[in-house]
Amino acid sequence: MKVYNTLTRKKEELVPITPGEIKMYACGPTVYNYIHIGNARPLCIFDILRRYLEYRGYNVKFVQNFTDIDDKIIRRANEEHVDFSEISERYIKEFWTDADGLNVRHATINPKATENIDAIIQIISTLIEKGYAYEAQGDVYFSTEKFKDYGKLSHQPLEDLEASASRWTSPSGKPRSPASPHGIPRGARADPAGISSAPR
């Protein structure tokens, strides 16, 4: 069986790290609203891939997360005057309704961001301590210039990514890396939900 390797941009023979076992991860939804057709597409694609791998005799461990704390979730909770968890749990339930309607099997594990806050904070803290991330105006940004292979997987030069990022950078105060020339941000946001400063 061959699969497409994004790094090499070629179809390559699938060779599991552990013979007979496949470990898959797919990014799950940010649960602040109902899923749409764009969310449903990867659900179906990964479900088909998983089923085929199992048909081929592999033992598949499939992980798909729920981002259940996020700026959009908090914003909606504020609009409805409810706790953020009420919003996230509501739309997790609706997610399962839609997934079941599509006959998509549940993942082996569905971890929630809120269940892993301590680990997330530790990772972010380690990045800051080692100089790979920096704090600015309440957020944490990854210092892309410190990682020489940044953009390697997407095959996009850092300069192109910086030009794209400048489109959303406000002239009045969007955080910028001290090492960035011309005020163009060289930071990829590492803490989009403000998790590192969230109450625990």
N, C-alpha and C. Protein backbone atom coordinates (compact mmCIF):
# COMPACT_ATOMS: atom_id res chain seq x y z
N MET A 1 0.84 -1.19 0.00
CA MET A 1 0.00 0.00 0.00
C MET A 1 0.88 1.25 0.00
N LYS A 2 0.56 2.20 -0.85
CA LYS A 2 1.31 3.44 -0.91
C LYS A 2 0.45 4.61 -0.44
N VAL A 3 1.10 5.54 0.25
CA VAL A 3 0.42 6.76 0.70
C VAL A 3 1.25 7.96 0.26
N TYR A 4 0.59 9.11 0.16
CA TYR A 4 1.28 10.32 -0.27
C TYR A 4 2.03 10.93 0.90
N ASN A 5 3.33 11.18 0.70
CA ASN A 5 4.18 11.80 1.71
C ASN A 5 4.28 13.30 1.39
N THR A 6 3.70 14.13 2.26
CA THR A 6 3.70 15.57 2.04
C THR A 6 5.12 16.13 1.98
N LEU A 7 6.02 15.56 2.78
CA LEU A 7 7.40 16.07 2.83
C LEU A 7 8.13 15.85 1.51
N THR A 8 8.03 14.65 0.96
CA THR A 8 8.75 14.34 -0.27
C THR A 8 7.92 14.58 -1.52
N ARG A 9 6.61 14.81 -1.32
CA ARG A 9 5.67 15.00 -2.42
C ARG A 9 5.65 13.82 -3.37
N LYS A 10 5.72 12.63 -2.79
CA LYS A 10 5.69 11.41 -3.59
C LYS A 10 4.84 10.36 -2.87
N LYS A 11 4.32 9.43 -3.66
CA LYS A 11 3.66 8.27 -3.06
C LYS A 11 4.74 7.29 -2.63
N GLU A 12 4.64 6.84 -1.38
CA GLU A 12 5.66 5.93 -0.85
C GLU A 12 4.99 4.75 -0.16
N GLU A 13 5.71 3.66 -0.09
CA GLU A 13 5.21 2.46 0.57
C GLU A 13 4.95 2.76 2.04
N LEU A 14 3.79 2.34 2.51
CA LEU A 14 3.44 2.53 3.92
C LEU A 14 4.19 1.51 4.75
N VAL A 15 5.08 2.00 5.62
CA VAL A 15 5.87 1.12 6.49
C VAL A 15 5.60 1.55 7.94
N PRO A 16 4.78 0.82 8.69
CA PRO A 16 4.47 1.20 10.07
C PRO A 16 5.71 1.19 10.96
N ILE A 17 5.74 2.08 11.94
CA ILE A 17 6.83 2.11 12.91
C ILE A 17 6.85 0.80 13.69
N THR A 18 5.65 0.37 14.10
CA THR A 18 5.50 -0.92 14.77
C THR A 18 4.77 -1.86 13.81
N PRO A 19 5.35 -2.98 13.43
CA PRO A 19 4.70 -3.89 12.48
C PRO A 19 3.29 -4.26 12.92
N GLY A 20 2.36 -4.13 11.98
CA GLY A 20 0.98 -4.52 12.25
C GLY A 20 0.15 -3.45 12.94
N GLU A 21 0.78 -2.31 13.30
CA GLU A 21 0.05 -1.25 14.00
C GLU A 21 0.17 0.08 13.26
N ILE A 22 -0.93 0.82 13.23
CA ILE A 22 -0.95 2.15 12.64
C ILE A 22 -1.50 3.11 13.68
N LYS A 23 -0.80 4.21 13.89
CA LYS A 23 -1.28 5.27 14.78
C LYS A 23 -1.59 6.50 13.94
N MET A 24 -2.84 6.93 14.00
CA MET A 24 -3.30 8.06 13.18
C MET A 24 -3.78 9.19 14.07
N TYR A 25 -3.48 10.42 13.66
CA TYR A 25 -4.03 11.60 14.34
C TYR A 25 -4.66 12.52 13.30
N ALA A 26 -5.85 12.99 13.60
CA ALA A 26 -6.50 13.98 12.74
C ALA A 26 -7.02 15.11 13.62
N CYS A 27 -6.77 16.33 13.20
CA CYS A 27 -7.24 17.48 13.95
C CYS A 27 -8.77 17.51 13.97
N GLY A 28 -9.33 17.59 15.16
CA GLY A 28 -10.78 17.63 15.30
C GLY A 28 -11.32 19.05 15.30
N PRO A 29 -12.61 19.21 15.56
CA PRO A 29 -13.25 20.52 15.46
C PRO A 29 -13.02 21.41 16.68
N THR A 30 -13.09 22.70 16.45
CA THR A 30 -13.21 23.68 17.54
C THR A 30 -14.70 23.86 17.76
N VAL A 31 -15.18 23.45 18.92
CA VAL A 31 -16.62 23.26 19.10
C VAL A 31 -17.32 24.51 19.64
N TYR A 32 -17.50 25.47 18.73
CA TYR A 32 -18.25 26.68 19.07
C TYR A 32 -19.50 26.82 18.20
N ASN A 33 -19.68 25.87 17.26
CA ASN A 33 -20.82 25.93 16.35
C ASN A 33 -21.01 24.54 15.75
N TYR A 34 -22.05 24.39 14.91
CA TYR A 34 -22.27 23.14 14.20
C TYR A 34 -21.17 22.93 13.17
N ILE A 35 -20.88 21.68 12.84
CA ILE A 35 -19.91 21.43 11.78
C ILE A 35 -20.55 21.75 10.43
N HIS A 36 -19.70 22.04 9.44
CA HIS A 36 -20.18 22.32 8.10
C HIS A 36 -19.55 21.33 7.13
N ILE A 37 -19.82 21.49 5.85
CA ILE A 37 -19.37 20.53 4.85
C ILE A 37 -17.84 20.42 4.83
N GLY A 38 -17.16 21.55 5.10
CA GLY A 38 -15.70 21.51 5.14
C GLY A 38 -15.16 20.67 6.28
N ASN A 39 -15.90 20.64 7.41
CA ASN A 39 -15.51 19.78 8.53
C ASN A 39 -15.83 18.32 8.25
N ALA A 40 -16.94 18.10 7.54
CA ALA A 40 -17.39 16.73 7.28
C ALA A 40 -16.46 16.00 6.31
N ARG A 41 -15.86 16.72 5.39
CA ARG A 41 -14.99 16.09 4.39
C ARG A 41 -13.84 15.32 5.03
N PRO A 42 -13.00 15.94 5.88
CA PRO A 42 -11.92 15.15 6.50
C PRO A 42 -12.44 14.05 7.42
N LEU A 43 -13.60 14.26 8.04
CA LEU A 43 -14.18 13.21 8.86
C LEU A 43 -14.36 11.94 8.04
N CYS A 44 -14.95 12.11 6.86
CA CYS A 44 -15.23 10.96 6.00
C CYS A 44 -13.94 10.36 5.43
N ILE A 45 -13.00 11.23 5.04
CA ILE A 45 -11.75 10.75 4.44
C ILE A 45 -10.96 9.90 5.42
N PHE A 46 -10.79 10.40 6.66
CA PHE A 46 -10.02 9.64 7.65
C PHE A 46 -10.76 8.38 8.09
N ASP A 47 -12.07 8.44 8.08
CA ASP A 47 -12.85 7.25 8.43
C ASP A 47 -12.65 6.16 7.39
N ILE A 48 -12.66 6.55 6.12
CA ILE A 48 -12.44 5.59 5.03
C ILE A 48 -11.04 4.99 5.12
N LEU A 49 -10.04 5.86 5.36
CA LEU A 49 -8.67 5.38 5.48
C LEU A 49 -8.53 4.40 6.64
N ARG A 50 -9.10 4.75 7.75
CA ARG A 50 -9.02 3.87 8.93
C ARG A 50 -9.67 2.53 8.64
N ARG A 51 -10.86 2.55 8.05
CA ARG A 51 -11.56 1.30 7.76
C ARG A 51 -10.76 0.42 6.80
N TYR A 52 -10.12 1.07 5.80
CA TYR A 52 -9.35 0.28 4.84
C TYR A 52 -8.12 -0.33 5.50
N LEU A 53 -7.46 0.45 6.35
CA LEU A 53 -6.28 -0.09 7.06
C LEU A 53 -6.67 -1.28 7.93
N GLU A 54 -7.81 -1.17 8.59
CA GLU A 54 -8.28 -2.29 9.41
C GLU A 54 -8.64 -3.48 8.53
N TYR A 55 -9.22 -3.21 7.37
CA TYR A 55 -9.53 -4.28 6.42
C TYR A 55 -8.26 -5.00 5.97
N ARG A 56 -7.16 -4.23 5.88
CA ARG A 56 -5.88 -4.82 5.48
C ARG A 56 -5.20 -5.55 6.64
N GLY A 57 -5.82 -5.54 7.81
CA GLY A 57 -5.31 -6.31 8.92
C GLY A 57 -4.52 -5.53 9.96
N TYR A 58 -4.46 -4.21 9.80
CA TYR A 58 -3.72 -3.41 10.77
C TYR A 58 -4.55 -3.15 12.02
N ASN A 59 -3.87 -3.06 13.16
CA ASN A 59 -4.49 -2.61 14.39
C ASN A 59 -4.34 -1.09 14.42
N VAL A 60 -5.44 -0.35 14.29
CA VAL A 60 -5.39 1.10 14.13
C VAL A 60 -5.80 1.81 15.42
N LYS A 61 -4.94 2.70 15.87
CA LYS A 61 -5.27 3.59 16.98
C LYS A 61 -5.47 4.98 16.38
N PHE A 62 -6.69 5.46 16.42
CA PHE A 62 -7.04 6.73 15.77
C PHE A 62 -7.40 7.77 16.83
N VAL A 63 -6.66 8.86 16.83
CA VAL A 63 -6.88 9.94 17.80
C VAL A 63 -7.38 11.18 17.07
N GLN A 64 -8.46 11.75 17.58
CA GLN A 64 -8.99 13.00 17.03
C GLN A 64 -9.45 13.88 18.18
N ASN A 65 -8.89 15.07 18.27
CA ASN A 65 -9.12 15.92 19.44
C ASN A 65 -10.36 16.79 19.30
N PHE A 66 -10.77 17.35 20.43
CA PHE A 66 -11.75 18.43 20.47
C PHE A 66 -11.06 19.65 21.06
N THR A 67 -11.05 20.76 20.33
CA THR A 67 -10.59 22.02 20.90
C THR A 67 -11.80 22.62 21.61
N ASP A 68 -11.85 22.44 22.93
CA ASP A 68 -13.04 22.86 23.69
C ASP A 68 -12.77 24.09 24.56
N ILE A 69 -11.67 24.78 24.29
CA ILE A 69 -11.42 26.11 24.86
C ILE A 69 -10.70 26.91 23.79
N ASP A 70 -11.27 28.08 23.45
CA ASP A 70 -10.76 28.84 22.32
C ASP A 70 -11.41 30.22 22.36
N ASP A 71 -10.79 31.18 21.69
CA ASP A 71 -11.35 32.53 21.67
C ASP A 71 -12.80 32.55 21.18
N LYS A 72 -13.08 31.77 20.13
CA LYS A 72 -14.43 31.77 19.56
C LYS A 72 -15.44 31.16 20.53
N ILE A 73 -15.03 30.13 21.25
CA ILE A 73 -15.91 29.51 22.24
C ILE A 73 -16.19 30.50 23.37
N ILE A 74 -15.14 31.16 23.85
CA ILE A 74 -15.30 32.13 24.93
C ILE A 74 -16.19 33.30 24.48
N ARG A 75 -16.00 33.75 23.25
CA ARG A 75 -16.80 34.85 22.72
C ARG A 75 -18.28 34.46 22.67
N ARG A 76 -18.56 33.26 22.20
CA ARG A 76 -19.96 32.83 22.13
C ARG A 76 -20.55 32.67 23.52
N ALA A 77 -19.75 32.14 24.45
CA ALA A 77 -20.22 31.98 25.83
C ALA A 77 -20.56 33.33 26.44
N ASN A 78 -19.73 34.34 26.17
CA ASN A 78 -20.00 35.68 26.66
C ASN A 78 -21.27 36.26 26.06
N GLU A 79 -21.48 35.99 24.77
CA GLU A 79 -22.68 36.48 24.10
C GLU A 79 -23.94 35.85 24.69
N GLU A 80 -23.84 34.57 25.08
CA GLU A 80 -25.00 33.86 25.61
C GLU A 80 -25.06 33.89 27.14
N HIS A 81 -24.04 34.51 27.76
CA HIS A 81 -23.99 34.63 29.22
C HIS A 81 -24.01 33.27 29.91
N VAL A 82 -23.18 32.36 29.38
CA VAL A 82 -23.06 31.02 29.97
C VAL A 82 -21.58 30.69 30.10
N ASP A 83 -21.28 29.62 30.83
CA ASP A 83 -19.90 29.17 30.95
C ASP A 83 -19.43 28.59 29.62
N PHE A 84 -18.13 28.74 29.32
CA PHE A 84 -17.61 28.25 28.04
C PHE A 84 -17.85 26.76 27.87
N SER A 85 -17.82 26.00 28.98
CA SER A 85 -17.99 24.55 28.89
C SER A 85 -19.38 24.17 28.41
N GLU A 86 -20.36 25.01 28.69
CA GLU A 86 -21.71 24.73 28.21
C GLU A 86 -21.77 24.81 26.69
N ILE A 87 -21.04 25.78 26.13
CA ILE A 87 -20.97 25.91 24.68
C ILE A 87 -20.26 24.70 24.07
N SER A 88 -19.08 24.37 24.60
CA SER A 88 -18.29 23.28 24.01
C SER A 88 -19.00 21.94 24.13
N GLU A 89 -19.61 21.67 25.27
CA GLU A 89 -20.31 20.39 25.44
C GLU A 89 -21.53 20.30 24.53
N ARG A 90 -22.20 21.42 24.34
CA ARG A 90 -23.37 21.44 23.44
C ARG A 90 -22.97 21.04 22.03
N TYR A 91 -21.86 21.62 21.54
CA TYR A 91 -21.49 21.36 20.15
C TYR A 91 -20.69 20.08 19.98
N ILE A 92 -20.12 19.55 21.05
CA ILE A 92 -19.56 18.20 20.97
C ILE A 92 -20.71 17.21 20.76
N LYS A 93 -21.79 17.41 21.49
CA LYS A 93 -22.97 16.55 21.33
C LYS A 93 -23.52 16.64 19.91
N GLU A 94 -23.57 17.86 19.37
CA GLU A 94 -24.08 18.03 18.01
C GLU A 94 -23.11 17.42 16.99
N PHE A 95 -21.81 17.48 17.29
CA PHE A 95 -20.81 16.85 16.42
C PHE A 95 -21.08 15.36 16.30
N TRP A 96 -21.33 14.69 17.44
CA TRP A 96 -21.59 13.26 17.40
C TRP A 96 -22.87 12.94 16.65
N THR A 97 -23.87 13.81 16.78
CA THR A 97 -25.11 13.61 16.03
C THR A 97 -24.84 13.60 14.54
N ASP A 98 -24.04 14.58 14.08
CA ASP A 98 -23.73 14.67 12.65
C ASP A 98 -22.81 13.54 12.20
N ALA A 99 -21.80 13.21 13.02
CA ALA A 99 -20.87 12.14 12.65
C ALA A 99 -21.60 10.81 12.55
N ASP A 100 -22.48 10.55 13.50
CA ASP A 100 -23.27 9.31 13.45
C ASP A 100 -24.17 9.30 12.22
N GLY A 101 -24.70 10.47 11.87
CA GLY A 101 -25.55 10.56 10.68
C GLY A 101 -24.79 10.26 9.40
N LEU A 102 -23.49 10.54 9.41
CA LEU A 102 -22.63 10.25 8.26
C LEU A 102 -22.05 8.84 8.32
N ASN A 103 -22.41 8.10 9.37
CA ASN A 103 -21.91 6.74 9.60
C ASN A 103 -20.40 6.73 9.80
N VAL A 104 -19.88 7.81 10.39
CA VAL A 104 -18.46 7.90 10.72
C VAL A 104 -18.24 7.28 12.09
N ARG A 105 -17.30 6.35 12.16
CA ARG A 105 -17.02 5.69 13.43
C ARG A 105 -16.29 6.62 14.38
N HIS A 106 -16.52 6.44 15.66
CA HIS A 106 -15.85 7.25 16.66
C HIS A 106 -14.36 6.90 16.69
N ALA A 107 -13.54 7.90 16.95
CA ALA A 107 -12.10 7.66 17.07
C ALA A 107 -11.81 6.78 18.29
N THR A 108 -10.64 6.20 18.33
CA THR A 108 -10.24 5.40 19.48
C THR A 108 -10.20 6.27 20.73
N ILE A 109 -9.67 7.48 20.57
CA ILE A 109 -9.56 8.44 21.66
C ILE A 109 -9.93 9.83 21.13
N ASN A 110 -10.71 10.57 21.91
CA ASN A 110 -11.06 11.95 21.57
C ASN A 110 -10.64 12.88 22.72
N PRO A 111 -9.35 13.19 22.83
CA PRO A 111 -8.91 14.05 23.93
C PRO A 111 -9.43 15.47 23.77
N LYS A 112 -9.67 16.13 24.89
CA LYS A 112 -10.10 17.53 24.89
C LYS A 112 -8.94 18.41 25.32
N ALA A 113 -8.90 19.61 24.78
CA ALA A 113 -7.84 20.54 25.17
C ALA A 113 -7.87 20.81 26.67
N THR A 114 -9.07 20.94 27.24
CA THR A 114 -9.18 21.26 28.66
C THR A 114 -8.69 20.13 29.56
N GLU A 115 -8.59 18.93 29.01
CA GLU A 115 -8.09 17.80 29.79
C GLU A 115 -6.55 17.75 29.79
N ASN A 116 -5.95 18.63 29.01
CA ASN A 116 -4.49 18.59 28.85
C ASN A 116 -3.85 19.96 29.06
N ILE A 117 -4.51 20.82 29.82
CA ILE A 117 -4.01 22.17 30.03
C ILE A 117 -2.62 22.18 30.65
N ASP A 118 -2.40 21.35 31.67
CA ASP A 118 -1.10 21.33 32.34
C ASP A 118 0.02 20.97 31.36
N ALA A 119 -0.23 19.97 30.52
CA ALA A 119 0.79 19.55 29.53
C ALA A 119 1.02 20.65 28.50
N ILE A 120 -0.05 21.33 28.09
CA ILE A 120 0.07 22.41 27.11
C ILE A 120 0.90 23.55 27.69
N ILE A 121 0.61 23.92 28.93
CA ILE A 121 1.36 24.99 29.58
C ILE A 121 2.83 24.62 29.71
N GLN A 122 3.09 23.36 30.04
CA GLN A 122 4.48 22.91 30.19
C GLN A 122 5.23 22.99 28.86
N ILE A 123 4.58 22.59 27.79
CA ILE A 123 5.21 22.66 26.46
C ILE A 123 5.51 24.10 26.09
N ILE A 124 4.53 24.98 26.29
CA ILE A 124 4.71 26.39 25.96
C ILE A 124 5.83 27.00 26.81
N SER A 125 5.84 26.67 28.09
CA SER A 125 6.88 27.19 29.00
C SER A 125 8.26 26.73 28.57
N THR A 126 8.36 25.47 28.14
CA THR A 126 9.65 24.94 27.68
C THR A 126 10.12 25.66 26.42
N LEU A 127 9.20 25.93 25.51
CA LEU A 127 9.55 26.66 24.28
C LEU A 127 10.07 28.06 24.62
N ILE A 128 9.42 28.72 25.58
CA ILE A 128 9.87 30.06 25.98
C ILE A 128 11.26 29.99 26.63
N GLU A 129 11.44 29.02 27.53
CA GLU A 129 12.71 28.88 28.23
C GLU A 129 13.87 28.63 27.27
N LYS A 130 13.60 27.88 26.21
CA LYS A 130 14.66 27.55 25.25
C LYS A 130 14.80 28.58 24.13
N GLY A 131 14.00 29.64 24.21
CA GLY A 131 14.12 30.71 23.23
C GLY A 131 13.39 30.47 21.93
N TYR A 132 12.53 29.45 21.88
CA TYR A 132 11.80 29.15 20.65
C TYR A 132 10.42 29.81 20.62
N ALA A 133 10.07 30.53 21.66
CA ALA A 133 8.80 31.25 21.70
C ALA A 133 8.98 32.48 22.58
N TYR A 134 8.10 33.45 22.40
CA TYR A 134 8.18 34.67 23.18
C TYR A 134 6.77 35.16 23.50
N GLU A 135 6.66 35.89 24.61
CA GLU A 135 5.38 36.45 25.04
C GLU A 135 5.25 37.87 24.54
N ALA A 136 4.01 38.24 24.15
CA ALA A 136 3.74 39.60 23.73
C ALA A 136 2.26 39.90 23.90
N GLN A 137 1.95 40.87 24.72
CA GLN A 137 0.58 41.35 24.91
C GLN A 137 -0.39 40.22 25.26
N GLY A 138 0.04 39.33 26.13
CA GLY A 138 -0.86 38.30 26.63
C GLY A 138 -0.90 37.02 25.83
N ASP A 139 -0.20 36.98 24.70
CA ASP A 139 -0.16 35.78 23.87
C ASP A 139 1.27 35.27 23.80
N VAL A 140 1.42 34.04 23.30
CA VAL A 140 2.74 33.45 23.11
C VAL A 140 2.90 33.11 21.63
N TYR A 141 4.04 33.51 21.07
CA TYR A 141 4.30 33.29 19.65
C TYR A 141 5.54 32.42 19.46
N PHE A 142 5.46 31.51 18.50
CA PHE A 142 6.61 30.67 18.16
C PHE A 142 7.58 31.47 17.31
N SER A 143 8.85 31.46 17.68
CA SER A 143 9.87 32.20 16.93
C SER A 143 10.30 31.38 15.73
N THR A 144 9.65 31.62 14.63
CA THR A 144 9.87 30.79 13.44
C THR A 144 11.31 30.84 12.94
N GLU A 145 11.99 31.98 13.14
CA GLU A 145 13.36 32.09 12.63
C GLU A 145 14.33 31.22 13.41
N LYS A 146 13.92 30.74 14.60
CA LYS A 146 14.79 29.89 15.40
C LYS A 146 14.78 28.43 14.95
N PHE A 147 13.78 28.07 14.15
CA PHE A 147 13.65 26.68 13.70
C PHE A 147 13.97 26.62 12.21
N LYS A 148 15.16 26.13 11.89
CA LYS A 148 15.66 26.23 10.51
C LYS A 148 14.80 25.48 9.50
N ASP A 149 14.05 24.47 9.94
CA ASP A 149 13.23 23.69 9.02
C ASP A 149 11.77 24.16 8.97
N TYR A 150 11.47 25.33 9.56
CA TYR A 150 10.10 25.83 9.54
C TYR A 150 9.65 26.06 8.09
N GLY A 151 8.51 25.52 7.74
CA GLY A 151 8.00 25.62 6.38
C GLY A 151 8.41 24.48 5.48
N LYS A 152 9.25 23.58 5.99
CA LYS A 152 9.75 22.48 5.17
C LYS A 152 8.64 21.55 4.72
N LEU A 153 7.71 21.26 5.63
CA LEU A 153 6.63 20.33 5.30
C LEU A 153 5.67 20.93 4.28
N SER A 154 5.39 22.22 4.41
CA SER A 154 4.46 22.87 3.49
C SER A 154 5.14 23.35 2.21
N HIS A 155 6.50 23.25 2.20
CA HIS A 155 7.29 23.69 1.05
C HIS A 155 7.08 25.18 0.77
N GLN A 156 6.92 25.96 1.85
CA GLN A 156 6.77 27.40 1.71
C GLN A 156 7.94 28.10 2.40
N PRO A 157 8.66 28.97 1.68
CA PRO A 157 9.76 29.71 2.30
C PRO A 157 9.24 30.61 3.41
N LEU A 158 10.05 30.81 4.43
CA LEU A 158 9.65 31.65 5.56
C LEU A 158 9.27 33.05 5.10
N GLU A 159 9.96 33.56 4.08
CA GLU A 159 9.68 34.92 3.59
C GLU A 159 8.24 35.02 3.06
N ASP A 160 7.76 33.96 2.38
CA ASP A 160 6.39 33.97 1.87
C ASP A 160 5.39 33.94 3.01
N LEU A 161 5.70 33.15 4.03
CA LEU A 161 4.81 33.06 5.18
C LEU A 161 4.76 34.40 5.92
N GLU A 162 5.89 35.08 6.01
CA GLU A 162 5.93 36.39 6.66
C GLU A 162 5.08 37.39 5.90
N ALA A 163 5.17 37.36 4.57
CA ALA A 163 4.38 38.29 3.76
C ALA A 163 2.89 38.05 3.97
N SER A 164 2.51 36.79 4.06
CA SER A 164 1.10 36.46 4.32
C SER A 164 0.68 36.94 5.69
N ALA A 165 1.55 36.75 6.68
CA ALA A 165 1.21 37.14 8.05
C ALA A 165 1.03 38.64 8.17
N SER A 166 1.76 39.42 7.34
CA SER A 166 1.70 40.87 7.44
C SER A 166 0.32 41.40 7.08
N ARG A 167 -0.49 40.59 6.40
CA ARG A 167 -1.83 41.03 6.00
C ARG A 167 -2.74 41.22 7.21
N TRP A 168 -2.51 40.37 8.26
CA TRP A 168 -3.37 40.51 9.44
C TRP A 168 -2.71 41.29 10.56
N THR A 169 -1.51 41.75 10.32
CA THR A 169 -0.81 42.49 11.37
C THR A 169 -1.30 43.93 11.40
N SER A 170 -1.80 44.35 12.53
CA SER A 170 -2.26 45.73 12.66
C SER A 170 -1.06 46.64 12.85
N PRO A 171 -1.10 47.83 12.30
CA PRO A 171 0.03 48.73 12.42
C PRO A 171 0.20 49.28 13.83
N SER A 172 -0.80 49.11 14.68
CA SER A 172 -0.77 49.78 15.97
C SER A 172 -0.34 48.91 17.14
N GLY A 173 -0.09 47.65 16.95
CA GLY A 173 0.30 46.94 18.15
C GLY A 173 0.25 45.45 18.09
N LYS A 174 0.13 44.85 16.94
CA LYS A 174 0.18 43.41 16.88
C LYS A 174 1.58 42.96 17.26
N PRO A 175 1.73 41.95 18.09
CA PRO A 175 3.05 41.53 18.56
C PRO A 175 4.00 41.18 17.41
N ARG A 176 5.25 41.59 17.55
CA ARG A 176 6.25 41.30 16.54
C ARG A 176 7.51 40.78 17.21
N SER A 177 8.14 39.83 16.56
CA SER A 177 9.38 39.29 17.11
C SER A 177 10.48 40.34 17.06
N PRO A 178 11.28 40.44 18.12
CA PRO A 178 12.38 41.41 18.12
C PRO A 178 13.35 41.21 16.98
N ALA A 179 13.45 39.97 16.47
CA ALA A 179 14.42 39.67 15.41
C ALA A 179 13.86 39.93 14.02
N SER A 180 12.61 40.38 13.95
CA SER A 180 11.96 40.53 12.66
C SER A 180 12.29 41.88 12.02
N PRO A 181 12.80 41.87 10.78
CA PRO A 181 13.09 43.14 10.11
C PRO A 181 11.82 43.79 9.60
N HIS A 182 11.80 45.10 9.50
CA HIS A 182 10.70 45.85 8.89
C HIS A 182 9.37 45.65 9.62
N GLY A 183 9.43 45.18 10.86
CA GLY A 183 8.20 45.02 11.63
C GLY A 183 7.33 43.88 11.17
N ILE A 184 7.83 43.01 10.30
CA ILE A 184 7.04 41.87 9.83
C ILE A 184 7.13 40.76 10.88
N PRO A 185 6.00 40.24 11.32
CA PRO A 185 6.05 39.25 12.40
C PRO A 185 6.69 37.95 11.97
N ARG A 186 7.56 37.43 12.82
CA ARG A 186 8.14 36.12 12.56
C ARG A 186 7.64 35.14 13.60
N GLY A 187 6.46 35.39 14.11
CA GLY A 187 5.93 34.51 15.14
C GLY A 187 4.68 33.80 14.68
N ALA A 188 4.64 32.49 14.90
CA ALA A 188 3.41 31.73 14.71
C ALA A 188 2.79 31.57 16.08
N ARG A 189 1.53 31.94 16.21
CA ARG A 189 0.91 32.00 17.53
C ARG A 189 0.86 30.63 18.16
N ALA A 190 1.49 30.51 19.33
CA ALA A 190 1.60 29.22 20.01
C ALA A 190 0.53 29.01 21.05
N ASP A 191 -0.19 30.09 21.39
CA ASP A 191 -1.19 30.00 22.47
C ASP A 191 -2.44 30.77 22.08
N PRO A 192 -3.15 30.32 21.01
CA PRO A 192 -4.25 31.10 20.45
C PRO A 192 -5.42 31.30 21.39
N ALA A 193 -5.58 30.45 22.39
CA ALA A 193 -6.73 30.58 23.29
C ALA A 193 -6.35 31.23 24.60
N GLY A 194 -5.10 31.70 24.71
CA GLY A 194 -4.67 32.26 25.97
C GLY A 194 -4.58 31.22 27.08
N ILE A 195 -4.29 29.98 26.69
CA ILE A 195 -4.30 28.87 27.62
C ILE A 195 -3.26 29.05 28.72
N SER A 196 -2.10 29.60 28.36
CA SER A 196 -1.03 29.69 29.35
C SER A 196 -1.37 30.64 30.49
N SER A 197 -2.36 31.53 30.27
CA SER A 197 -2.75 32.44 31.33
C SER A 197 -4.16 32.17 31.84
N ALA A 198 -4.76 31.08 31.36
CA ALA A 198 -6.13 30.77 31.76
C ALA A 198 -6.16 30.22 33.18
N PRO A 199 -7.23 30.56 33.94
CA PRO A 199 -7.34 30.03 35.30
C PRO A 199 -7.53 28.53 35.27
N ARG A 200 -6.93 27.83 36.23
CA ARG A 200 -7.03 26.36 36.26
C ARG A 200 -7.81 25.92 37.48
